[in-house]
């Protein structure tokens, strides 16, 4: 058997398997969800620490409560999006916590 043909067959099979896995696991969509959530959480931290945005004029206790609620909502939304992508293979939708 020709070594070149065997190598070509093995590489082609590997590429086909990897593409099939991407179609099932949706790593690209999951990465976008994770990255968007990470950036949102990072921004919330900066707003909290500098008391700007939604945290402007709040007491320490109120600002901390707002931070926790906002972060928990973003994590919940990201989890729901990941589950949606994995179970239905649907395109991700912008999480509620990240909208305007």
PDB file of N, CA and C in Angstrom:
ATOM      1  N   UNK A   1       0.840  -1.181   0.000  1.00  0.00           N
ATOM      2  CA  UNK A   1       0.000   0.000   0.000  1.00  0.00           C
ATOM      3  C   UNK A   1       0.885   1.244   0.000  1.00  0.00           C
ATOM      4  N   UNK A   2       0.483   2.241  -0.750  1.00  0.00           N
ATOM      5  CA  UNK A   2       1.226   3.484  -0.892  1.00  0.00           C
ATOM      6  C   UNK A   2       1.116   4.314   0.386  1.00  0.00           C
ATOM      7  N   UNK A   3       2.247   4.729   0.952  1.00  0.00           N
ATOM      8  CA  UNK A   3       2.287   5.496   2.193  1.00  0.00           C
ATOM      9  C   UNK A   3       1.568   6.842   2.033  1.00  0.00           C
ATOM     10  N   UNK A   4       1.726   7.457   0.871  1.00  0.00           N
ATOM     11  CA  UNK A   4       1.077   8.747   0.622  1.00  0.00           C
ATOM     12  C   UNK A   4      -0.440   8.639   0.668  1.00  0.00           C
ATOM     13  N   UNK A   5      -0.983   7.567   0.089  1.00  0.00           N
ATOM     14  CA  UNK A   5      -2.432   7.373   0.092  1.00  0.00           C
ATOM     15  C   UNK A   5      -2.953   7.114   1.507  1.00  0.00           C
ATOM     16  N   UNK A   6      -2.202   6.337   2.268  1.00  0.00           N
ATOM     17  CA  UNK A   6      -2.597   6.049   3.654  1.00  0.00           C
ATOM     18  C   UNK A   6      -2.591   7.332   4.472  1.00  0.00           C
ATOM     19  N   UNK A   7      -1.527   8.123   4.329  1.00  0.00           N
ATOM     20  CA  UNK A   7      -1.429   9.385   5.069  1.00  0.00           C
ATOM     21  C   UNK A   7      -2.558  10.334   4.673  1.00  0.00           C
ATOM     22  N   UNK A   8      -2.839  10.430   3.385  1.00  0.00           N
ATOM     23  CA  UNK A   8      -3.919  11.273   2.904  1.00  0.00           C
ATOM     24  C   UNK A   8      -5.259  10.822   3.469  1.00  0.00           C
ATOM     25  N   UNK A   9      -5.494   9.519   3.499  1.00  0.00           N
ATOM     26  CA  UNK A   9      -6.740   8.975   4.034  1.00  0.00           C
ATOM     27  C   UNK A   9      -6.866   9.263   5.522  1.00  0.00           C
ATOM     28  N   UNK A  10      -5.793   9.093   6.255  1.00  0.00           N
ATOM     29  CA  UNK A  10      -5.809   9.338   7.701  1.00  0.00           C
ATOM     30  C   UNK A  10      -6.079  10.817   7.982  1.00  0.00           C
ATOM     31  N   UNK A  11      -5.386  11.706   7.281  1.00  0.00           N
ATOM     32  CA  UNK A  11      -5.580  13.143   7.498  1.00  0.00           C
ATOM     33  C   UNK A  11      -6.999  13.554   7.108  1.00  0.00           C
ATOM     34  N   UNK A  12      -7.498  13.047   5.998  1.00  0.00           N
ATOM     35  CA  UNK A  12      -8.865  13.364   5.563  1.00  0.00           C
ATOM     36  C   UNK A  12      -9.892  12.886   6.573  1.00  0.00           C
ATOM     37  N   UNK A  13      -9.689  11.695   7.095  1.00  0.00           N
ATOM     38  CA  UNK A  13     -10.599  11.154   8.103  1.00  0.00           C
ATOM     39  C   UNK A  13     -10.558  11.998   9.376  1.00  0.00           C
ATOM     40  N   UNK A  14      -9.372  12.385   9.793  1.00  0.00           N
ATOM     41  CA  UNK A  14      -9.215  13.214  10.988  1.00  0.00           C
ATOM     42  C   UNK A  14      -9.925  14.560  10.810  1.00  0.00           C
ATOM     43  N   UNK A  15      -9.760  15.184   9.659  1.00  0.00           N
ATOM     44  CA  UNK A  15     -10.426  16.464   9.387  1.00  0.00           C
ATOM     45  C   UNK A  15     -11.945  16.285   9.416  1.00  0.00           C
ATOM     46  N   UNK A  16     -12.438  15.218   8.818  1.00  0.00           N
ATOM     47  CA  UNK A  16     -13.884  14.966   8.804  1.00  0.00           C
ATOM     48  C   UNK A  16     -14.420  14.762  10.216  1.00  0.00           C
ATOM     49  N   UNK A  17     -13.686  14.038  11.043  1.00  0.00           N
ATOM     50  CA  UNK A  17     -14.105  13.801  12.429  1.00  0.00           C
ATOM     51  C   UNK A  17     -14.110  15.111  13.215  1.00  0.00           C
ATOM     52  N   UNK A  18     -13.068  15.911  13.047  1.00  0.00           N
ATOM     53  CA  UNK A  18     -12.998  17.189  13.762  1.00  0.00           C
ATOM     54  C   UNK A  18     -14.121  18.132  13.331  1.00  0.00           C
ATOM     55  N   UNK A  19     -14.430  18.175  12.048  1.00  0.00           N
ATOM     56  CA  UNK A  19     -15.537  19.012  11.580  1.00  0.00           C
ATOM     57  C   UNK A  19     -16.874  18.516  12.118  1.00  0.00           C
ATOM     58  N   UNK A  20     -17.032  17.214  12.194  1.00  0.00           N
ATOM     59  CA  UNK A  20     -18.274  16.652  12.747  1.00  0.00           C
ATOM     60  C   UNK A  20     -18.405  17.013  14.226  1.00  0.00           C
ATOM     61  N   UNK A  21     -17.307  16.918  14.971  1.00  0.00           N
ATOM     62  CA  UNK A  21     -17.339  17.292  16.390  1.00  0.00           C
ATOM     63  C   UNK A  21     -17.674  18.770  16.561  1.00  0.00           C
ATOM     64  N   UNK A  22     -17.111  19.625  15.719  1.00  0.00           N
ATOM     65  CA  UNK A  22     -17.420  21.054  15.796  1.00  0.00           C
ATOM     66  C   UNK A  22     -18.903  21.284  15.525  1.00  0.00           C
ATOM     67  N   UNK A  23     -19.459  20.531  14.600  1.00  0.00           N
ATOM     68  CA  UNK A  23     -20.877  20.654  14.295  1.00  0.00           C
ATOM     69  C   UNK A  23     -21.758  20.242  15.456  1.00  0.00           C
ATOM     70  N   UNK A  24     -21.285  19.309  16.264  1.00  0.00           N
ATOM     71  CA  UNK A  24     -22.070  18.820  17.404  1.00  0.00           C
ATOM     72  C   UNK A  24     -21.816  19.661  18.654  1.00  0.00           C
ATOM     73  N   UNK A  25     -20.571  19.994  18.923  1.00  0.00           N
ATOM     74  CA  UNK A  25     -20.211  20.663  20.180  1.00  0.00           C
ATOM     75  C   UNK A  25     -20.256  22.191  20.101  1.00  0.00           C
ATOM     76  N   UNK A  26     -20.227  22.753  18.905  1.00  0.00           N
ATOM     77  CA  UNK A  26     -20.345  24.204  18.712  1.00  0.00           C
ATOM     78  C   UNK A  26     -19.332  24.993  19.552  1.00  0.00           C
ATOM     79  N   UNK A  27     -18.076  24.608  19.473  1.00  0.00           N
ATOM     80  CA  UNK A  27     -17.050  25.295  20.273  1.00  0.00           C
ATOM     81  C   UNK A  27     -16.951  26.777  19.934  1.00  0.00           C
ATOM     82  N   UNK A  28     -17.112  27.132  18.666  1.00  0.00           N
ATOM     83  CA  UNK A  28     -16.993  28.539  18.278  1.00  0.00           C
ATOM     84  C   UNK A  28     -18.072  29.379  18.964  1.00  0.00           C
ATOM     85  N   UNK A  29     -19.318  28.898  18.925  1.00  0.00           N
ATOM     86  CA  UNK A  29     -20.406  29.641  19.549  1.00  0.00           C
ATOM     87  C   UNK A  29     -20.215  29.723  21.066  1.00  0.00           C
ATOM     88  N   UNK A  30     -19.767  28.609  21.651  1.00  0.00           N
ATOM     89  CA  UNK A  30     -19.535  28.621  23.100  1.00  0.00           C
ATOM     90  C   UNK A  30     -18.430  29.609  23.461  1.00  0.00           C
ATOM     91  N   UNK A  31     -17.368  29.655  22.665  1.00  0.00           N
ATOM     92  CA  UNK A  31     -16.272  30.577  22.937  1.00  0.00           C
ATOM     93  C   UNK A  31     -16.762  32.015  22.864  1.00  0.00           C
ATOM     94  N   UNK A  32     -17.590  32.328  21.871  1.00  0.00           N
ATOM     95  CA  UNK A  32     -18.136  33.684  21.757  1.00  0.00           C
ATOM     96  C   UNK A  32     -18.969  34.028  22.994  1.00  0.00           C
ATOM     97  N   UNK A  33     -19.778  33.078  23.450  1.00  0.00           N
ATOM     98  CA  UNK A  33     -20.584  33.309  24.653  1.00  0.00           C
ATOM     99  C   UNK A  33     -19.693  33.568  25.861  1.00  0.00           C
ATOM    100  N   UNK A  34     -18.683  32.715  26.053  1.00  0.00           N
ATOM    101  CA  UNK A  34     -17.782  32.865  27.197  1.00  0.00           C
ATOM    102  C   UNK A  34     -17.051  34.201  27.136  1.00  0.00           C
ATOM    103  N   UNK A  35     -16.568  34.547  25.960  1.00  0.00           N
ATOM    104  CA  UNK A  35     -15.791  35.772  25.807  1.00  0.00           C
ATOM    105  C   UNK A  35     -16.659  37.008  26.074  1.00  0.00           C
ATOM    106  N   UNK A  36     -17.870  37.016  25.530  1.00  0.00           N
ATOM    107  CA  UNK A  36     -18.780  38.138  25.743  1.00  0.00           C
ATOM    108  C   UNK A  36     -19.100  38.295  27.230  1.00  0.00           C
ATOM    109  N   UNK A  37     -19.378  37.182  27.887  1.00  0.00           N
ATOM    110  CA  UNK A  37     -19.683  37.232  29.320  1.00  0.00           C
ATOM    111  C   UNK A  37     -18.471  37.701  30.114  1.00  0.00           C
ATOM    112  N   UNK A  38     -17.292  37.215  29.756  1.00  0.00           N
ATOM    113  CA  UNK A  38     -16.067  37.609  30.462  1.00  0.00           C
ATOM    114  C   UNK A  38     -15.838  39.108  30.336  1.00  0.00           C
ATOM    115  N   UNK A  39     -16.030  39.651  29.143  1.00  0.00           N
ATOM    116  CA  UNK A  39     -15.838  41.087  28.947  1.00  0.00           C
ATOM    117  C   UNK A  39     -16.869  41.895  29.738  1.00  0.00           C
ATOM    118  N   UNK A  40     -18.098  41.417  29.767  1.00  0.00           N
ATOM    119  CA  UNK A  40     -19.144  42.098  30.532  1.00  0.00           C
ATOM    120  C   UNK A  40     -18.813  42.103  32.029  1.00  0.00           C
ATOM    121  N   UNK A  41     -18.385  40.956  32.537  1.00  0.00           N
ATOM    122  CA  UNK A  41     -18.047  40.866  33.964  1.00  0.00           C
ATOM    123  C   UNK A  41     -16.847  41.750  34.308  1.00  0.00           C
ATOM    124  N   UNK A  42     -15.884  41.785  33.408  1.00  0.00           N
ATOM    125  CA  UNK A  42     -14.710  42.639  33.630  1.00  0.00           C
ATOM    126  C   UNK A  42     -15.128  44.114  33.679  1.00  0.00           C
ATOM    127  N   UNK A  43     -16.015  44.520  32.790  1.00  0.00           N
ATOM    128  CA  UNK A  43     -16.498  45.906  32.784  1.00  0.00           C
ATOM    129  C   UNK A  43     -17.262  46.221  34.069  1.00  0.00           C
ATOM    130  N   UNK A  44     -18.077  45.269  34.536  1.00  0.00           N
ATOM    131  CA  UNK A  44     -18.819  45.471  35.774  1.00  0.00           C
ATOM    132  C   UNK A  44     -17.867  45.683  36.952  1.00  0.00           C
ATOM    133  N   UNK A  45     -16.777  44.945  36.947  1.00  0.00           N
ATOM    134  CA  UNK A  45     -15.786  45.102  38.024  1.00  0.00           C
ATOM    135  C   UNK A  45     -15.213  46.519  38.009  1.00  0.00           C
ATOM    136  N   UNK A  46     -14.859  47.002  36.824  1.00  0.00           N
ATOM    137  CA  UNK A  46     -14.298  48.350  36.719  1.00  0.00           C
ATOM    138  C   UNK A  46     -15.330  49.392  37.151  1.00  0.00           C
ATOM    139  N   UNK A  47     -16.564  49.256  36.683  1.00  0.00           N
ATOM    140  CA  UNK A  47     -17.613  50.195  37.081  1.00  0.00           C
ATOM    141  C   UNK A  47     -17.817  50.182  38.588  1.00  0.00           C
ATOM    142  N   UNK A  48     -17.805  48.982  39.169  1.00  0.00           N
ATOM    143  CA  UNK A  48     -17.985  48.856  40.618  1.00  0.00           C
ATOM    144  C   UNK A  48     -16.836  49.525  41.371  1.00  0.00           C
ATOM    145  N   UNK A  49     -15.609  49.219  40.956  1.00  0.00           N
ATOM    146  CA  UNK A  49     -14.443  49.759  41.659  1.00  0.00           C
ATOM    147  C   UNK A  49     -14.326  51.269  41.537  1.00  0.00           C
ATOM    148  N   UNK A  50     -14.789  51.821  40.418  1.00  0.00           N
ATOM    149  CA  UNK A  50     -14.684  53.264  40.204  1.00  0.00           C
ATOM    150  C   UNK A  50     -15.988  53.997  40.505  1.00  0.00           C
ATOM    151  N   UNK A  51     -17.020  53.235  40.877  1.00  0.00           N
ATOM    152  CA  UNK A  51     -18.347  53.765  41.193  1.00  0.00           C
ATOM    153  C   UNK A  51     -18.878  54.629  40.038  1.00  0.00           C
ATOM    154  N   UNK A  52     -18.784  54.088  38.827  1.00  0.00           N
ATOM    155  CA  UNK A  52     -19.328  54.739  37.647  1.00  0.00           C
ATOM    156  C   UNK A  52     -20.449  53.879  37.073  1.00  0.00           C
ATOM    157  N   UNK A  53     -21.122  54.410  36.065  1.00  0.00           N
ATOM    158  CA  UNK A  53     -22.211  53.655  35.439  1.00  0.00           C
ATOM    159  C   UNK A  53     -23.338  53.397  36.423  1.00  0.00           C
ATOM    160  N   UNK A  54     -23.826  52.178  36.451  1.00  0.00           N
ATOM    161  CA  UNK A  54     -24.933  51.799  37.335  1.00  0.00           C
ATOM    162  C   UNK A  54     -24.572  51.891  38.820  1.00  0.00           C
ATOM    163  N   UNK A  55     -23.296  52.003  39.132  1.00  0.00           N
ATOM    164  CA  UNK A  55     -22.846  52.001  40.528  1.00  0.00           C
ATOM    165  C   UNK A  55     -22.612  53.415  41.066  1.00  0.00           C
ATOM    166  N   UNK A  56     -22.822  54.408  40.233  1.00  0.00           N
ATOM    167  CA  UNK A  56     -22.594  55.794  40.619  1.00  0.00           C
ATOM    168  C   UNK A  56     -23.570  56.211  41.713  1.00  0.00           C
ATOM    169  N   UNK A  57     -23.030  56.769  42.783  1.00  0.00           N
ATOM    170  CA  UNK A  57     -23.854  57.306  43.860  1.00  0.00           C
ATOM    171  C   UNK A  57     -24.421  56.277  44.812  1.00  0.00           C
ATOM    172  N   UNK A  58     -24.064  55.011  44.664  1.00  0.00           N
ATOM    173  CA  UNK A  58     -24.580  53.973  45.562  1.00  0.00           C
ATOM    174  C   UNK A  58     -23.664  53.806  46.763  1.00  0.00           C
ATOM    175  N   UNK A  59     -24.256  53.432  47.888  1.00  0.00           N
ATOM    176  CA  UNK A  59     -23.454  53.105  49.067  1.00  0.00           C
ATOM    177  C   UNK A  59     -22.663  51.824  48.770  1.00  0.00           C
ATOM    178  N   UNK A  60     -21.682  51.539  49.599  1.00  0.00           N
ATOM    179  CA  UNK A  60     -20.882  50.326  49.404  1.00  0.00           C
ATOM    180  C   UNK A  60     -21.770  49.082  49.389  1.00  0.00           C
ATOM    181  N   UNK A  61     -22.696  49.026  50.319  1.00  0.00           N
ATOM    182  CA  UNK A  61     -23.582  47.859  50.420  1.00  0.00           C
ATOM    183  C   UNK A  61     -24.489  47.732  49.185  1.00  0.00           C
ATOM    184  N   UNK A  62     -25.057  48.841  48.762  1.00  0.00           N
ATOM    185  CA  UNK A  62     -25.944  48.824  47.592  1.00  0.00           C
ATOM    186  C   UNK A  62     -25.163  48.498  46.316  1.00  0.00           C
ATOM    187  N   UNK A  63     -23.959  49.054  46.203  1.00  0.00           N
ATOM    188  CA  UNK A  63     -23.131  48.791  45.023  1.00  0.00           C
ATOM    189  C   UNK A  63     -22.735  47.314  44.961  1.00  0.00           C
ATOM    190  N   UNK A  64     -22.381  46.735  46.102  1.00  0.00           N
ATOM    191  CA  UNK A  64     -22.015  45.317  46.138  1.00  0.00           C
ATOM    192  C   UNK A  64     -23.208  44.449  45.768  1.00  0.00           C
ATOM    193  N   UNK A  65     -24.372  44.794  46.292  1.00  0.00           N
ATOM    194  CA  UNK A  65     -25.580  44.046  45.955  1.00  0.00           C
ATOM    195  C   UNK A  65     -25.852  44.126  44.454  1.00  0.00           C
ATOM    196  N   UNK A  66     -25.730  45.312  43.878  1.00  0.00           N
ATOM    197  CA  UNK A  66     -25.939  45.505  42.438  1.00  0.00           C
ATOM    198  C   UNK A  66     -24.928  44.697  41.630  1.00  0.00           C
ATOM    199  N   UNK A  67     -23.670  44.695  42.057  1.00  0.00           N
ATOM    200  CA  UNK A  67     -22.627  43.924  41.377  1.00  0.00           C
ATOM    201  C   UNK A  67     -22.960  42.438  41.389  1.00  0.00           C
ATOM    202  N   UNK A  68     -23.341  41.919  42.526  1.00  0.00           N
ATOM    203  CA  UNK A  68     -23.661  40.488  42.648  1.00  0.00           C
ATOM    204  C   UNK A  68     -24.843  40.134  41.769  1.00  0.00           C
ATOM    205  N   UNK A  69     -25.888  40.943  41.802  1.00  0.00           N
ATOM    206  CA  UNK A  69     -27.065  40.669  40.984  1.00  0.00           C
ATOM    207  C   UNK A  69     -26.727  40.698  39.491  1.00  0.00           C
ATOM    208  N   UNK A  70     -25.965  41.681  39.077  1.00  0.00           N
ATOM    209  CA  UNK A  70     -25.599  41.821  37.672  1.00  0.00           C
ATOM    210  C   UNK A  70     -24.731  40.653  37.206  1.00  0.00           C
ATOM    211  N   UNK A  71     -23.753  40.289  38.025  1.00  0.00           N
ATOM    212  CA  UNK A  71     -22.866  39.184  37.661  1.00  0.00           C
ATOM    213  C   UNK A  71     -23.604  37.851  37.634  1.00  0.00           C
ATOM    214  N   UNK A  72     -24.446  37.627  38.598  1.00  0.00           N
ATOM    215  CA  UNK A  72     -25.216  36.376  38.625  1.00  0.00           C
ATOM    216  C   UNK A  72     -26.147  36.275  37.423  1.00  0.00           C
ATOM    217  N   UNK A  73     -26.752  37.377  37.024  1.00  0.00           N
ATOM    218  CA  UNK A  73     -27.625  37.380  35.855  1.00  0.00           C
ATOM    219  C   UNK A  73     -26.818  37.078  34.585  1.00  0.00           C
ATOM    220  N   UNK A  74     -25.646  37.668  34.470  1.00  0.00           N
ATOM    221  CA  UNK A  74     -24.802  37.419  33.295  1.00  0.00           C
ATOM    222  C   UNK A  74     -24.379  35.949  33.229  1.00  0.00           C
ATOM    223  N   UNK A  75     -24.036  35.370  34.360  1.00  0.00           N
ATOM    224  CA  UNK A  75     -23.641  33.958  34.404  1.00  0.00           C
ATOM    225  C   UNK A  75     -24.830  33.065  34.069  1.00  0.00           C
ATOM    226  N   UNK A  76     -25.988  33.388  34.608  1.00  0.00           N
ATOM    227  CA  UNK A  76     -27.207  32.614  34.307  1.00  0.00           C
ATOM    228  C   UNK A  76     -27.513  32.658  32.817  1.00  0.00           C
ATOM    229  N   UNK A  77     -27.454  33.850  32.239  1.00  0.00           N
ATOM    230  CA  UNK A  77     -27.723  34.003  30.807  1.00  0.00           C
ATOM    231  C   UNK A  77     -26.721  33.215  29.969  1.00  0.00           C
ATOM    232  N   UNK A  78     -25.468  33.275  30.350  1.00  0.00           N
ATOM    233  CA  UNK A  78     -24.434  32.547  29.600  1.00  0.00           C
ATOM    234  C   UNK A  78     -24.669  31.044  29.689  1.00  0.00           C
ATOM    235  N   UNK A  79     -25.050  30.552  30.847  1.00  0.00           N
ATOM    236  CA  UNK A  79     -25.347  29.129  31.002  1.00  0.00           C
ATOM    237  C   UNK A  79     -26.525  28.716  30.125  1.00  0.00           C
ATOM    238  N   UNK A  80     -27.564  29.547  30.087  1.00  0.00           N
ATOM    239  CA  UNK A  80     -28.730  29.254  29.252  1.00  0.00           C
ATOM    240  C   UNK A  80     -28.362  29.246  27.770  1.00  0.00           C
ATOM    241  N   UNK A  81     -27.525  30.191  27.354  1.00  0.00           N
ATOM    242  CA  UNK A  81     -27.089  30.223  25.959  1.00  0.00           C
ATOM    243  C   UNK A  81     -26.275  28.987  25.601  1.00  0.00           C
ATOM    244  N   UNK A  82     -25.385  28.583  26.485  1.00  0.00           N
ATOM    245  CA  UNK A  82     -24.579  27.390  26.230  1.00  0.00           C
ATOM    246  C   UNK A  82     -25.467  26.170  26.108  1.00  0.00           C
ATOM    247  N   UNK A  83     -26.421  26.025  27.006  1.00  0.00           N
ATOM    248  CA  UNK A  83     -27.347  24.900  26.942  1.00  0.00           C
ATOM    249  C   UNK A  83     -28.155  24.932  25.654  1.00  0.00           C
ATOM    250  N   UNK A  84     -28.585  26.117  25.259  1.00  0.00           N
ATOM    251  CA  UNK A  84     -29.349  26.264  24.026  1.00  0.00           C
ATOM    252  C   UNK A  84     -28.525  25.844  22.818  1.00  0.00           C
ATOM    253  N   UNK A  85     -27.289  26.280  22.771  1.00  0.00           N
ATOM    254  CA  UNK A  85     -26.416  25.933  21.647  1.00  0.00           C
ATOM    255  C   UNK A  85     -26.157  24.431  21.617  1.00  0.00           C
ATOM    256  N   UNK A  86     -25.945  23.830  22.764  1.00  0.00           N
ATOM    257  CA  UNK A  86     -25.634  22.399  22.810  1.00  0.00           C
ATOM    258  C   UNK A  86     -26.839  21.529  22.515  1.00  0.00           C
ATOM    259  N   UNK A  87     -28.030  21.940  22.948  1.00  0.00           N
ATOM    260  CA  UNK A  87     -29.195  21.075  22.782  1.00  0.00           C
ATOM    261  C   UNK A  87     -29.913  21.294  21.456  1.00  0.00           C
ATOM    262  N   UNK A  88     -29.952  22.529  21.001  1.00  0.00           N
ATOM    263  CA  UNK A  88     -30.681  22.801  19.760  1.00  0.00           C
ATOM    264  C   UNK A  88     -29.769  23.186  18.622  1.00  0.00           C
ATOM    265  N   UNK A  89     -28.524  23.487  18.933  1.00  0.00           N
ATOM    266  CA  UNK A  89     -27.611  23.916  17.895  1.00  0.00           C
ATOM    267  C   UNK A  89     -27.969  25.259  17.301  1.00  0.00           C
ATOM    268  N   UNK A  90     -28.745  26.031  18.051  1.00  0.00           N
ATOM    269  CA  UNK A  90     -29.182  27.323  17.540  1.00  0.00           C
ATOM    270  C   UNK A  90     -28.078  28.362  17.693  1.00  0.00           C
ATOM    271  N   UNK A  91     -28.187  29.389  16.912  1.00  0.00           N
ATOM    272  CA  UNK A  91     -27.231  30.490  17.002  1.00  0.00           C
ATOM    273  C   UNK A  91     -27.441  31.224  18.307  1.00  0.00           C
ATOM    274  N   UNK A  92     -26.370  31.671  18.941  1.00  0.00           N
ATOM    275  CA  UNK A  92     -26.507  32.370  20.205  1.00  0.00           C
ATOM    276  C   UNK A  92     -27.217  33.716  20.038  1.00  0.00           C
ATOM    277  N   UNK A  93     -27.935  34.091  21.065  1.00  0.00           N
ATOM    278  CA  UNK A  93     -28.633  35.365  21.113  1.00  0.00           C
ATOM    279  C   UNK A  93     -27.993  36.166  22.224  1.00  0.00           C
ATOM    280  N   UNK A  94     -27.964  37.473  22.072  1.00  0.00           N
ATOM    281  CA  UNK A  94     -27.339  38.303  23.096  1.00  0.00           C
ATOM    282  C   UNK A  94     -28.042  38.140  24.424  1.00  0.00           C
ATOM    283  N   UNK A  95     -27.288  37.835  25.500  1.00  0.00           N
ATOM    284  CA  UNK A  95     -27.903  37.646  26.822  1.00  0.00           C
ATOM    285  C   UNK A  95     -28.600  38.913  27.302  1.00  0.00           C
ATOM    286  N   UNK A  96     -29.661  38.743  28.077  1.00  0.00           N
ATOM    287  CA  UNK A  96     -30.428  39.863  28.632  1.00  0.00           C
ATOM    288  C   UNK A  96     -29.542  40.791  29.444  1.00  0.00           C
ATOM    289  N   UNK A  97     -28.630  40.209  30.238  1.00  0.00           N
ATOM    290  CA  UNK A  97     -27.782  41.018  31.116  1.00  0.00           C
ATOM    291  C   UNK A  97     -26.822  41.903  30.328  1.00  0.00           C
ATOM    292  N   UNK A  98     -26.573  41.552  29.073  1.00  0.00           N
ATOM    293  CA  UNK A  98     -25.600  42.307  28.286  1.00  0.00           C
ATOM    294  C   UNK A  98     -26.251  43.337  27.376  1.00  0.00           C
ATOM    295  N   UNK A  99     -27.572  43.361  27.310  1.00  0.00           N
ATOM    296  CA  UNK A  99     -28.277  44.320  26.453  1.00  0.00           C
ATOM    297  C   UNK A  99     -28.282  45.694  27.091  1.00  0.00           C
ATOM    298  N   UNK A 100     -28.171  46.707  26.219  1.00  0.00           N
ATOM    299  CA  UNK A 100     -28.239  48.120  26.582  1.00  0.00           C
ATOM    300  C   UNK A 100     -28.352  48.367  27.977  1.00  0.00           C
TER     301      UNK A 100
END
